[in-house]
PDB file of N, CA and C in Angstrom:
ATOM      1  N   MET A   1       0.846  -1.178   0.000  1.00  0.00           N
ATOM      2  CA  MET A   1       0.000   0.000   0.000  1.00  0.00           C
ATOM      3  C   MET A   1       0.893   1.244   0.000  1.00  0.00           C
ATOM      4  N   PRO A   2       0.507   2.270  -0.749  1.00  0.00           N
ATOM      5  CA  PRO A   2       1.311   3.487  -0.792  1.00  0.00           C
ATOM      6  C   PRO A   2       1.437   4.142   0.581  1.00  0.00           C
ATOM      7  N   ALA A   3       2.480   4.907   0.752  1.00  0.00           N
ATOM      8  CA  ALA A   3       2.757   5.547   2.038  1.00  0.00           C
ATOM      9  C   ALA A   3       1.686   6.575   2.389  1.00  0.00           C
ATOM     10  N   PHE A   4       1.195   6.487   3.611  1.00  0.00           N
ATOM     11  CA  PHE A   4       0.256   7.454   4.169  1.00  0.00           C
ATOM     12  C   PHE A   4       1.085   8.548   4.811  1.00  0.00           C
ATOM     13  N   LYS A   5       0.747   9.800   4.542  1.00  0.00           N
ATOM     14  CA  LYS A   5       1.540  10.902   5.081  1.00  0.00           C
ATOM     15  C   LYS A   5       0.654  11.902   5.805  1.00  0.00           C
ATOM     16  N   ASP A   6       1.191  12.434   6.894  1.00  0.00           N
ATOM     17  CA  ASP A   6       0.553  13.517   7.619  1.00  0.00           C
ATOM     18  C   ASP A   6       1.364  14.773   7.349  1.00  0.00           C
ATOM     19  N   HIS A   7       0.815  15.672   6.551  1.00  0.00           N
ATOM     20  CA  HIS A   7       1.455  16.951   6.283  1.00  0.00           C
ATOM     21  C   HIS A   7       0.933  17.923   7.341  1.00  0.00           C
ATOM     22  N   ALA A   8       1.499  17.811   8.555  1.00  0.00           N
ATOM     23  CA  ALA A   8       0.988  18.540   9.715  1.00  0.00           C
ATOM     24  C   ALA A   8       0.975  20.048   9.504  1.00  0.00           C
ATOM     25  N   ALA A   9       1.970  20.592   8.849  1.00  0.00           N
ATOM     26  CA  ALA A   9       2.020  22.041   8.632  1.00  0.00           C
ATOM     27  C   ALA A   9       0.843  22.517   7.785  1.00  0.00           C
ATOM     28  N   ASP A  10       0.361  21.644   6.908  1.00  0.00           N
ATOM     29  CA  ASP A  10      -0.786  21.970   6.043  1.00  0.00           C
ATOM     30  C   ASP A  10      -2.102  21.429   6.592  1.00  0.00           C
ATOM     31  N   ARG A  11      -2.014  20.694   7.709  1.00  0.00           N
ATOM     32  CA  ARG A  11      -3.182  20.028   8.302  1.00  0.00           C
ATOM     33  C   ARG A  11      -3.921  19.209   7.248  1.00  0.00           C
ATOM     34  N   ARG A  12      -3.137  18.289   6.683  1.00  0.00           N
ATOM     35  CA  ARG A  12      -3.654  17.477   5.588  1.00  0.00           C
ATOM     36  C   ARG A  12      -3.014  16.093   5.637  1.00  0.00           C
ATOM     37  N   PHE A  13      -3.858  15.071   5.659  1.00  0.00           N
ATOM     38  CA  PHE A  13      -3.403  13.696   5.477  1.00  0.00           C
ATOM     39  C   PHE A  13      -3.478  13.418   3.986  1.00  0.00           C
ATOM     40  N   GLN A  14      -2.526  12.619   3.468  1.00  0.00           N
ATOM     41  CA  GLN A  14      -2.532  12.346   2.031  1.00  0.00           C
ATOM     42  C   GLN A  14      -1.926  10.982   1.739  1.00  0.00           C
ATOM     43  N   GLN A  15      -2.436  10.376   0.688  1.00  0.00           N
ATOM     44  CA  GLN A  15      -1.907   9.104   0.218  1.00  0.00           C
ATOM     45  C   GLN A  15      -2.083   9.071  -1.300  1.00  0.00           C
ATOM     46  N   MET A  16      -1.093   8.530  -1.987  1.00  0.00           N
ATOM     47  CA  MET A  16      -1.130   8.445  -3.445  1.00  0.00           C
ATOM     48  C   MET A  16      -1.601   7.053  -3.866  1.00  0.00           C
ATOM     49  N   PHE A  17      -2.396   7.021  -4.935  1.00  0.00           N
ATOM     50  CA  PHE A  17      -2.893   5.769  -5.500  1.00  0.00           C
ATOM     51  C   PHE A  17      -2.791   5.850  -7.016  1.00  0.00           C
ATOM     52  N   ALA A  18      -2.588   4.702  -7.647  1.00  0.00           N
ATOM     53  CA  ALA A  18      -2.510   4.644  -9.105  1.00  0.00           C
ATOM     54  C   ALA A  18      -3.895   4.462  -9.703  1.00  0.00           C
ATOM     55  N   ASP A  19      -4.133   5.164 -10.814  1.00  0.00           N
ATOM     56  CA  ASP A  19      -5.386   4.988 -11.542  1.00  0.00           C
ATOM     57  C   ASP A  19      -5.254   3.778 -12.472  1.00  0.00           C
ATOM     58  N   ALA A  20      -6.245   3.551 -13.310  1.00  0.00           N
ATOM     59  CA  ALA A  20      -6.254   2.389 -14.208  1.00  0.00           C
ATOM     60  C   ALA A  20      -5.067   2.382 -15.162  1.00  0.00           C
ATOM     61  N   ASP A  21      -4.527   3.555 -15.473  1.00  0.00           N
ATOM     62  CA  ASP A  21      -3.368   3.655 -16.371  1.00  0.00           C
ATOM     63  C   ASP A  21      -2.037   3.620 -15.641  1.00  0.00           C
ATOM     64  N   GLY A  22      -2.079   3.539 -14.308  1.00  0.00           N
ATOM     65  CA  GLY A  22      -0.853   3.504 -13.523  1.00  0.00           C
ATOM     66  C   GLY A  22      -0.345   4.874 -13.092  1.00  0.00           C
ATOM     67  N   THR A  23      -1.071   5.926 -13.430  1.00  0.00           N
ATOM     68  CA  THR A  23      -0.679   7.273 -13.026  1.00  0.00           C
ATOM     69  C   THR A  23      -1.091   7.503 -11.580  1.00  0.00           C
ATOM     70  N   GLU A  24      -0.191   8.051 -10.777  1.00  0.00           N
ATOM     71  CA  GLU A  24      -0.471   8.281  -9.356  1.00  0.00           C
ATOM     72  C   GLU A  24      -1.197   9.607  -9.148  1.00  0.00           C
ATOM     73  N   HIS A  25      -2.201   9.536  -8.258  1.00  0.00           N
ATOM     74  CA  HIS A  25      -3.001  10.706  -7.892  1.00  0.00           C
ATOM     75  C   HIS A  25      -3.265  10.648  -6.391  1.00  0.00           C
ATOM     76  N   PRO A  26      -3.552  11.800  -5.775  1.00  0.00           N
ATOM     77  CA  PRO A  26      -3.771  11.818  -4.330  1.00  0.00           C
ATOM     78  C   PRO A  26      -5.223  11.604  -3.905  1.00  0.00           C
ATOM     79  N   VAL A  27      -5.346  11.066  -2.701  1.00  0.00           N
ATOM     80  CA  VAL A  27      -6.572  11.133  -1.909  1.00  0.00           C
ATOM     81  C   VAL A  27      -6.129  11.864  -0.649  1.00  0.00           C
ATOM     82  N   TRP A  28      -6.929  12.807  -0.171  1.00  0.00           N
ATOM     83  CA  TRP A  28      -6.500  13.589   0.974  1.00  0.00           C
ATOM     84  C   TRP A  28      -7.665  13.917   1.886  1.00  0.00           C
ATOM     85  N   ALA A  29      -7.303  14.289   3.109  1.00  0.00           N
ATOM     86  CA  ALA A  29      -8.268  14.772   4.096  1.00  0.00           C
ATOM     87  C   ALA A  29      -7.687  16.007   4.748  1.00  0.00           C
ATOM     88  N   GLU A  30      -8.475  17.053   4.771  1.00  0.00           N
ATOM     89  CA  GLU A  30      -8.098  18.263   5.495  1.00  0.00           C
ATOM     90  C   GLU A  30      -8.640  18.122   6.903  1.00  0.00           C
ATOM     91  N   TYR A  31      -7.855  18.582   7.888  1.00  0.00           N
ATOM     92  CA  TYR A  31      -8.283  18.421   9.272  1.00  0.00           C
ATOM     93  C   TYR A  31      -7.949  19.638  10.121  1.00  0.00           C
ATOM     94  N   ALA A  32      -8.635  19.712  11.253  1.00  0.00           N
ATOM     95  CA  ALA A  32      -8.344  20.703  12.290  1.00  0.00           C
ATOM     96  C   ALA A  32      -7.810  19.938  13.490  1.00  0.00           C
ATOM     97  N   VAL A  33      -7.002  20.588  14.289  1.00  0.00           N
ATOM     98  CA  VAL A  33      -6.391  19.967  15.461  1.00  0.00           C
ATOM     99  C   VAL A  33      -7.129  20.404  16.720  1.00  0.00           C
ATOM    100  N   ARG A  34      -7.490  19.432  17.548  1.00  0.00           N
ATOM    101  CA  ARG A  34      -8.055  19.668  18.885  1.00  0.00           C
ATOM    102  C   ARG A  34      -7.311  18.767  19.851  1.00  0.00           C
ATOM    103  N   GLY A  35      -6.154  19.189  20.303  1.00  0.00           N
ATOM    104  CA  GLY A  35      -5.338  18.341  21.174  1.00  0.00           C
ATOM    105  C   GLY A  35      -4.926  17.080  20.435  1.00  0.00           C
ATOM    106  N   ARG A  36      -5.286  15.908  20.967  1.00  0.00           N
ATOM    107  CA  ARG A  36      -4.959  14.625  20.324  1.00  0.00           C
ATOM    108  C   ARG A  36      -6.020  14.216  19.302  1.00  0.00           C
ATOM    109  N   ALA A  37      -7.024  15.054  19.108  1.00  0.00           N
ATOM    110  CA  ALA A  37      -8.076  14.753  18.133  1.00  0.00           C
ATOM    111  C   ALA A  37      -7.779  15.444  16.805  1.00  0.00           C
ATOM    112  N   ARG A  38      -8.215  14.813  15.743  1.00  0.00           N
ATOM    113  CA  ARG A  38      -8.152  15.387  14.411  1.00  0.00           C
ATOM    114  C   ARG A  38      -9.580  15.432  13.879  1.00  0.00           C
ATOM    115  N   VAL A  39     -10.058  16.641  13.652  1.00  0.00           N
ATOM    116  CA  VAL A  39     -11.404  16.841  13.122  1.00  0.00           C
ATOM    117  C   VAL A  39     -11.302  16.745  11.608  1.00  0.00           C
ATOM    118  N   ILE A  40     -11.901  15.719  11.048  1.00  0.00           N
ATOM    119  CA  ILE A  40     -11.818  15.488   9.603  1.00  0.00           C
ATOM    120  C   ILE A  40     -12.866  16.372   8.917  1.00  0.00           C
ATOM    121  N   LEU A  41     -12.374  17.419   8.260  1.00  0.00           N
ATOM    122  CA  LEU A  41     -13.242  18.425   7.662  1.00  0.00           C
ATOM    123  C   LEU A  41     -13.690  18.061   6.254  1.00  0.00           C
ATOM    124  N   HIS A  42     -12.813  17.391   5.523  1.00  0.00           N
ATOM    125  CA  HIS A  42     -13.101  17.134   4.107  1.00  0.00           C
ATOM    126  C   HIS A  42     -12.205  16.001   3.621  1.00  0.00           C
ATOM    127  N   VAL A  43     -12.793  15.048   2.937  1.00  0.00           N
ATOM    128  CA  VAL A  43     -12.030  13.970   2.291  1.00  0.00           C
ATOM    129  C   VAL A  43     -12.318  14.071   0.799  1.00  0.00           C
ATOM    130  N   GLU A  44     -11.267  13.987   0.009  1.00  0.00           N
ATOM    131  CA  GLU A  44     -11.453  14.082  -1.436  1.00  0.00           C
ATOM    132  C   GLU A  44     -10.460  13.187  -2.165  1.00  0.00           C
ATOM    133  N   ALA A  45     -10.948  12.596  -3.249  1.00  0.00           N
ATOM    134  CA  ALA A  45     -10.100  11.803  -4.137  1.00  0.00           C
ATOM    135  C   ALA A  45      -9.961  12.559  -5.455  1.00  0.00           C
ATOM    136  N   HIS A  46      -8.792  12.468  -6.032  1.00  0.00           N
ATOM    137  CA  HIS A  46      -8.588  13.032  -7.364  1.00  0.00           C
ATOM    138  C   HIS A  46      -9.649  12.424  -8.292  1.00  0.00           C
ATOM    139  N   PRO A  47     -10.193  13.200  -9.235  1.00  0.00           N
ATOM    140  CA  PRO A  47     -11.246  12.683 -10.115  1.00  0.00           C
ATOM    141  C   PRO A  47     -10.896  11.375 -10.826  1.00  0.00           C
ATOM    142  N   ALA A  48      -9.641  11.167 -11.163  1.00  0.00           N
ATOM    143  CA  ALA A  48      -9.241   9.934 -11.855  1.00  0.00           C
ATOM    144  C   ALA A  48      -9.382   8.702 -10.972  1.00  0.00           C
ATOM    145  N   LEU A  49      -9.500   8.893  -9.653  1.00  0.00           N
ATOM    146  CA  LEU A  49      -9.594   7.765  -8.719  1.00  0.00           C
ATOM    147  C   LEU A  49     -11.016   7.477  -8.275  1.00  0.00           C
ATOM    148  N   ARG A  50     -11.946   8.344  -8.587  1.00  0.00           N
ATOM    149  CA  ARG A  50     -13.315   8.177  -8.095  1.00  0.00           C
ATOM    150  C   ARG A  50     -13.914   6.883  -8.617  1.00  0.00           C
ATOM    151  N   GLY A  51     -14.535   6.152  -7.709  1.00  0.00           N
ATOM    152  CA  GLY A  51     -15.135   4.866  -8.049  1.00  0.00           C
ATOM    153  C   GLY A  51     -14.160   3.703  -8.006  1.00  0.00           C
ATOM    154  N   SER A  52     -12.908   3.956  -7.662  1.00  0.00           N
ATOM    155  CA  SER A  52     -11.886   2.898  -7.665  1.00  0.00           C
ATOM    156  C   SER A  52     -11.693   2.246  -6.304  1.00  0.00           C
ATOM    157  N   GLY A  53     -12.311   2.812  -5.261  1.00  0.00           N
ATOM    158  CA  GLY A  53     -12.097   2.303  -3.908  1.00  0.00           C
ATOM    159  C   GLY A  53     -10.909   2.931  -3.204  1.00  0.00           C
ATOM    160  N   ALA A  54     -10.222   3.853  -3.874  1.00  0.00           N
ATOM    161  CA  ALA A  54      -9.039   4.480  -3.269  1.00  0.00           C
ATOM    162  C   ALA A  54      -9.405   5.256  -2.015  1.00  0.00           C
ATOM    163  N   ALA A  55     -10.538   5.945  -2.010  1.00  0.00           N
ATOM    164  CA  ALA A  55     -10.923   6.730  -0.829  1.00  0.00           C
ATOM    165  C   ALA A  55     -11.161   5.823   0.370  1.00  0.00           C
ATOM    166  N   GLY A  56     -11.745   4.669   0.147  1.00  0.00           N
ATOM    167  CA  GLY A  56     -11.946   3.713   1.237  1.00  0.00           C
ATOM    168  C   GLY A  56     -10.626   3.176   1.772  1.00  0.00           C
ATOM    169  N   ARG A  57      -9.699   2.874   0.882  1.00  0.00           N
ATOM    170  CA  ARG A  57      -8.375   2.410   1.318  1.00  0.00           C
ATOM    171  C   ARG A  57      -7.650   3.513   2.069  1.00  0.00           C
ATOM    172  N   PHE A  58      -7.833   4.758   1.629  1.00  0.00           N
ATOM    173  CA  PHE A  58      -7.264   5.901   2.335  1.00  0.00           C
ATOM    174  C   PHE A  58      -7.843   6.003   3.745  1.00  0.00           C
ATOM    175  N   MET A  59      -9.166   5.877   3.870  1.00  0.00           N
ATOM    176  CA  MET A  59      -9.794   5.974   5.184  1.00  0.00           C
ATOM    177  C   MET A  59      -9.295   4.867   6.115  1.00  0.00           C
ATOM    178  N   GLN A  60      -9.074   3.685   5.575  1.00  0.00           N
ATOM    179  CA  GLN A  60      -8.525   2.604   6.397  1.00  0.00           C
ATOM    180  C   GLN A  60      -7.120   2.982   6.877  1.00  0.00           C
ATOM    181  N   ALA A  61      -6.309   3.519   5.987  1.00  0.00           N
ATOM    182  CA  ALA A  61      -4.955   3.945   6.377  1.00  0.00           C
ATOM    183  C   ALA A  61      -5.024   5.071   7.401  1.00  0.00           C
ATOM    184  N   LEU A  62      -5.975   5.972   7.247  1.00  0.00           N
ATOM    185  CA  LEU A  62      -6.145   7.068   8.193  1.00  0.00           C
ATOM    186  C   LEU A  62      -6.526   6.536   9.573  1.00  0.00           C
ATOM    187  N   ALA A  63      -7.459   5.600   9.621  1.00  0.00           N
ATOM    188  CA  ALA A  63      -7.867   5.012  10.904  1.00  0.00           C
ATOM    189  C   ALA A  63      -6.710   4.243  11.544  1.00  0.00           C
ATOM    190  N   GLU A  64      -5.950   3.518  10.747  1.00  0.00           N
ATOM    191  CA  GLU A  64      -4.783   2.790  11.273  1.00  0.00           C
ATOM    192  C   GLU A  64      -3.734   3.769  11.796  1.00  0.00           C
ATOM    193  N   HIS A  65      -3.526   4.860  11.071  1.00  0.00           N
ATOM    194  CA  HIS A  65      -2.585   5.895  11.510  1.00  0.00           C
ATOM    195  C   HIS A  65      -3.033   6.480  12.850  1.00  0.00           C
ATOM    196  N   ALA A  66      -4.315   6.797  12.954  1.00  0.00           N
ATOM    197  CA  ALA A  66      -4.845   7.356  14.202  1.00  0.00           C
ATOM    198  C   ALA A  66      -4.618   6.390  15.355  1.00  0.00           C
ATOM    199  N   ARG A  67      -4.889   5.134  15.131  1.00  0.00           N
ATOM    200  CA  ARG A  67      -4.697   4.117  16.176  1.00  0.00           C
ATOM    201  C   ARG A  67      -3.229   4.047  16.583  1.00  0.00           C
ATOM    202  N   ALA A  68      -2.342   3.995  15.618  1.00  0.00           N
ATOM    203  CA  ALA A  68      -0.906   3.874  15.904  1.00  0.00           C
ATOM    204  C   ALA A  68      -0.352   5.095  16.637  1.00  0.00           C
ATOM    205  N   GLU A  69      -0.910   6.271  16.331  1.00  0.00           N
ATOM    206  CA  GLU A  69      -0.416   7.515  16.925  1.00  0.00           C
ATOM    207  C   GLU A  69      -1.185   7.925  18.174  1.00  0.00           C
ATOM    208  N   GLY A  70      -2.193   7.159  18.560  1.00  0.00           N
ATOM    209  CA  GLY A  70      -3.004   7.507  19.728  1.00  0.00           C
ATOM    210  C   GLY A  70      -3.886   8.721  19.500  1.00  0.00           C
ATOM    211  N   LEU A  71      -4.339   8.883  18.259  1.00  0.00           N
ATOM    212  CA  LEU A  71      -5.190  10.018  17.906  1.00  0.00           C
ATOM    213  C   LEU A  71      -6.663   9.608  17.911  1.00  0.00           C
ATOM    214  N   ILE A  72      -7.521  10.585  18.077  1.00  0.00           N
ATOM    215  CA  ILE A  72      -8.960  10.397  17.970  1.00  0.00           C
ATOM    216  C   ILE A  72      -9.424  11.147  16.725  1.00  0.00           C
ATOM    217  N   LEU A  73     -10.288  10.510  15.946  1.00  0.00           N
ATOM    218  CA  LEU A  73     -10.838  11.141  14.755  1.00  0.00           C
ATOM    219  C   LEU A  73     -12.252  11.632  15.048  1.00  0.00           C
ATOM    220  N   ILE A  74     -12.503  12.869  14.695  1.00  0.00           N
ATOM    221  CA  ILE A  74     -13.843  13.442  14.828  1.00  0.00           C
ATOM    222  C   ILE A  74     -14.291  13.781  13.403  1.00  0.00           C
ATOM    223  N   PRO A  75     -15.097  12.907  12.806  1.00  0.00           N
ATOM    224  CA  PRO A  75     -15.478  13.136  11.415  1.00  0.00           C
ATOM    225  C   PRO A  75     -16.580  14.178  11.277  1.00  0.00           C
ATOM    226  N   HIS A  76     -16.340  15.188  10.449  1.00  0.00           N
ATOM    227  CA  HIS A  76     -17.360  16.169  10.085  1.00  0.00           C
ATOM    228  C   HIS A  76     -17.752  16.002   8.626  1.00  0.00           C
ATOM    229  N   CYS A  77     -16.853  15.513   7.825  1.00  0.00           N
ATOM    230  CA  CYS A  77     -17.103  15.253   6.409  1.00  0.00           C
ATOM    231  C   CYS A  77     -18.089  14.091   6.297  1.00  0.00           C
ATOM    232  N   SER A  78     -19.095  14.222   5.449  1.00  0.00           N
ATOM    233  CA  SER A  78     -20.112  13.172   5.330  1.00  0.00           C
ATOM    234  C   SER A  78     -19.511  11.835   4.892  1.00  0.00           C
ATOM    235  N   TYR A  79     -18.503  11.864   4.032  1.00  0.00           N
ATOM    236  CA  TYR A  79     -17.875  10.611   3.603  1.00  0.00           C
ATOM    237  C   TYR A  79     -17.179   9.940   4.781  1.00  0.00           C
ATOM    238  N   ALA A  80     -16.428  10.703   5.559  1.00  0.00           N
ATOM    239  CA  ALA A  80     -15.725  10.143   6.721  1.00  0.00           C
ATOM    240  C   ALA A  80     -16.715   9.602   7.743  1.00  0.00           C
ATOM    241  N   VAL A  81     -17.812  10.327   7.986  1.00  0.00           N
ATOM    242  CA  VAL A  81     -18.841   9.862   8.924  1.00  0.00           C
ATOM    243  C   VAL A  81     -19.382   8.511   8.456  1.00  0.00           C
ATOM    244  N   ALA A  82     -19.778   8.440   7.185  1.00  0.00           N
ATOM    245  CA  ALA A  82     -20.361   7.205   6.647  1.00  0.00           C
ATOM    246  C   ALA A  82     -19.365   6.057   6.672  1.00  0.00           C
ATOM    247  N   TRP A  83     -18.125   6.314   6.273  1.00  0.00           N
ATOM    248  CA  TRP A  83     -17.127   5.243   6.225  1.00  0.00           C
ATOM    249  C   TRP A  83     -16.880   4.694   7.624  1.00  0.00           C
ATOM    250  N   LEU A  84     -16.713   5.566   8.592  1.00  0.00           N
ATOM    251  CA  LEU A  84     -16.436   5.115   9.960  1.00  0.00           C
ATOM    252  C   LEU A  84     -17.632   4.379  10.565  1.00  0.00           C
ATOM    253  N   LYS A  85     -18.848   4.760  10.211  1.00  0.00           N
ATOM    254  CA  LYS A  85     -20.029   4.023  10.680  1.00  0.00           C
ATOM    255  C   LYS A  85     -20.074   2.618  10.091  1.00  0.00           C
ATOM    256  N   ARG A  86     -19.626   2.475   8.854  1.00  0.00           N
ATOM    257  CA  ARG A  86     -19.606   1.157   8.197  1.00  0.00           C
ATOM    258  C   ARG A  86     -18.464   0.275   8.668  1.00  0.00           C
ATOM    259  N   HIS A  87     -17.534   0.827   9.451  1.00  0.00           N
ATOM    260  CA  HIS A  87     -16.366   0.077   9.902  1.00  0.00           C
ATOM    261  C   HIS A  87     -16.228   0.176  11.421  1.00  0.00           C
ATOM    262  N   PRO A  88     -17.098  -0.548  12.145  1.00  0.00           N
ATOM    263  CA  PRO A  88     -17.066  -0.473  13.614  1.00  0.00           C
ATOM    264  C   PRO A  88     -15.767  -0.987  14.221  1.00  0.00           C
ATOM    265  N   GLU A  89     -14.948  -1.669  13.437  1.00  0.00           N
ATOM    266  CA  GLU A  89     -13.659  -2.137  13.958  1.00  0.00           C
ATOM    267  C   GLU A  89     -12.731  -0.972  14.303  1.00  0.00           C
ATOM    268  N   TYR A  90     -13.094   0.232  13.864  1.00  0.00           N
ATOM    269  CA  TYR A  90     -12.295   1.411  14.186  1.00  0.00           C
ATOM    270  C   TYR A  90     -12.989   2.344  15.177  1.00  0.00           C
ATOM    271  N   GLU A  91     -14.011   1.852  15.866  1.00  0.00           N
ATOM    272  CA  GLU A  91     -14.731   2.718  16.813  1.00  0.00           C
ATOM    273  C   GLU A  91     -13.830   3.222  17.933  1.00  0.00           C
ATOM    274  N   ASP A  92     -12.727   2.533  18.191  1.00  0.00           N
ATOM    275  CA  ASP A  92     -11.808   2.981  19.238  1.00  0.00           C
ATOM    276  C   ASP A  92     -11.078   4.266  18.903  1.00  0.00           C
ATOM    277  N   VAL A  93     -11.088   4.675  17.622  1.00  0.00           N
ATOM    278  CA  VAL A  93     -10.408   5.913  17.237  1.00  0.00           C
ATOM    279  C   VAL A  93     -11.390   7.035  16.902  1.00  0.00           C
ATOM    280  N   VAL A  94     -12.682   6.788  17.105  1.00  0.00           N
ATOM    281  CA  VAL A  94     -13.708   7.776  16.756  1.00  0.00           C
ATOM    282  C   VAL A  94     -14.174   8.496  18.012  1.00  0.00           C
ATOM    283  N   GLY A  95     -14.180   9.814  17.942  1.00  0.00           N
ATOM    284  CA  GLY A  95     -14.672  10.633  19.041  1.00  0.00           C
ATOM    285  C   GLY A  95     -15.886  11.428  18.613  1.00  0.00           C
ATOM    286  N   ALA A  96     -16.467  12.090  19.560  1.00  0.00           N
ATOM    287  CA  ALA A  96     -17.665  12.903  19.263  1.00  0.00           C
ATOM    288  C   ALA A  96     -17.304  14.354  19.061  1.00  0.00           C
TER     289      ALA A  96
END
């Protein structure tokens, strides 16, 4: 799986994925910081990746990153809210 990165200075998580032609494009989440919590404001996939499952793989990497770093995710983005509800195995990293 491609490297998941936290661009803390930009308050942006990002991961690159290849499209059907092998060209790499980003999936990213913009966030706000509240202590050890990260408020997920917006998740977006490059248009070439839409429908490929890349955003879901990104969300899994984001949840794993949060778990490894002891972070709590507070989803405000509708996609992040829906994805985390569909994946109760990550309820330990979800805050209100």
